[in-house]
Amino acid sequence: MKSDNGTVYMIRGHDADEWVSPEPAEAVITEALFDATDLTEDDIDYIGSYVDAAQLRAVVGDGDDDTISFDVEGNEVTVTAGGDVTVV
């Protein structure tokens, strides 16, 4: 997912004592979609076509917002500032 500031990265929930590595938000979100639904890579478009990178960054990067929700092929995806992704 690209924007003027580059790829949006997320850090998923973790223990304060363990080392973590940021992951591209697109990879985290698509993995959550694949785990929660029967969707495949052929079923979904680039995540940036469903959610604006700047709005996603305001949640997972800048911390300006607590959550963002958007629709991906009839599934509501919610991303939190803590890096949690829920698919309903």
Protein backbone atom coordinates (compact mmCIF):
# COMPACT_ATOMS: atom_id res chain seq x y z
CA MET A 1 0.00 0.00 0.00
CA LYS A 2 1.66 3.18 -1.14
CA SER A 3 1.02 6.79 -0.34
CA ASP A 4 3.09 9.94 -0.47
CA ASN A 5 4.99 8.70 2.57
CA GLY A 6 5.57 5.14 1.28
CA THR A 7 4.30 1.79 2.47
CA VAL A 8 2.09 1.69 5.56
CA TYR A 9 3.48 -0.68 8.21
CA MET A 10 1.84 -2.26 11.23
CA ILE A 11 3.13 -3.79 14.43
CA ARG A 12 0.81 -6.52 15.61
CA GLY A 13 -0.02 -7.05 19.29
CA HIS A 14 3.03 -8.16 21.23
CA ASP A 15 4.63 -8.53 24.64
CA ALA A 16 6.52 -5.46 25.79
CA ASP A 17 9.63 -7.61 26.33
CA GLU A 18 9.79 -9.26 22.92
CA TRP A 19 11.37 -7.89 19.78
CA VAL A 20 8.90 -7.19 16.96
CA SER A 21 9.23 -6.26 13.35
CA PRO A 22 6.80 -4.03 11.47
CA GLU A 23 4.93 -5.73 8.64
CA PRO A 24 3.35 -4.14 5.58
CA ALA A 25 -0.27 -3.36 6.41
CA GLU A 26 -1.41 -4.87 3.12
CA ALA A 27 0.13 -8.25 4.05
CA VAL A 28 -1.40 -8.22 7.54
CA ILE A 29 -4.86 -7.27 6.27
CA THR A 30 -4.91 -9.78 3.41
CA GLU A 31 -3.72 -12.55 5.75
CA ALA A 32 -6.58 -11.73 8.13
CA LEU A 33 -9.04 -11.79 5.22
CA PHE A 34 -7.77 -15.16 4.00
CA ASP A 35 -7.92 -16.62 7.54
CA ALA A 36 -11.47 -15.39 8.22
CA THR A 37 -13.09 -15.98 4.83
CA ASP A 38 -12.96 -18.17 1.76
CA LEU A 39 -11.44 -15.33 -0.27
CA THR A 40 -8.28 -15.94 -2.29
CA GLU A 41 -5.76 -13.61 -3.88
CA ASP A 42 -7.81 -13.72 -7.10
CA ASP A 43 -10.90 -12.46 -5.24
CA ILE A 44 -9.52 -9.22 -3.87
CA ASP A 45 -7.92 -6.15 -5.36
CA TYR A 46 -5.01 -4.18 -4.03
CA ILE A 47 -5.91 -3.17 -0.44
CA GLY A 48 -5.37 0.46 -1.37
CA SER A 49 -8.49 0.23 -3.53
CA TYR A 50 -10.58 -0.41 -0.39
CA VAL A 51 -8.98 1.98 2.12
CA ASP A 52 -7.03 5.21 1.78
CA ALA A 53 -3.40 4.84 2.88
CA ALA A 54 -3.41 8.19 4.70
CA GLN A 55 -6.47 7.19 6.73
CA LEU A 56 -4.91 3.81 7.58
CA ARG A 57 -1.65 5.52 8.56
CA ALA A 58 -3.62 7.82 10.89
CA VAL A 59 -4.57 4.68 12.84
CA VAL A 60 -1.56 2.35 12.71
CA GLY A 61 1.23 4.83 12.14
CA ASP A 62 0.48 8.25 13.53
CA GLY A 63 -1.97 7.13 16.21
CA ASP A 64 -4.29 10.04 15.44
CA ASP A 65 -7.30 7.69 15.25
CA ASP A 66 -8.18 4.56 17.26
CA THR A 67 -9.75 2.42 14.52
CA ILE A 68 -10.69 2.35 10.89
CA SER A 69 -13.27 0.10 9.23
CA PHE A 70 -13.76 -0.58 5.54
CA ASP A 71 -15.45 -3.11 3.29
CA VAL A 72 -13.55 -5.74 1.29
CA GLU A 73 -15.76 -7.85 -0.96
CA GLY A 74 -18.69 -7.81 1.47
CA ASN A 75 -16.58 -8.28 4.61
CA GLU A 76 -16.12 -5.53 7.17
CA VAL A 77 -12.46 -5.14 8.10
CA THR A 78 -11.55 -3.20 11.24
CA VAL A 79 -7.97 -2.22 12.03
CA THR A 80 -7.00 -0.84 15.44
CA ALA A 81 -4.11 1.36 16.51
CA GLY A 82 -2.75 -1.67 18.40
CA GLY A 83 -2.37 -3.60 15.15
CA ASP A 84 -5.37 -5.88 15.54
CA VAL A 85 -7.35 -6.75 12.41
CA THR A 86 -10.90 -8.08 12.67
CA VAL A 87 -12.90 -9.41 9.72
CA VAL A 88 -16.68 -9.84 9.99
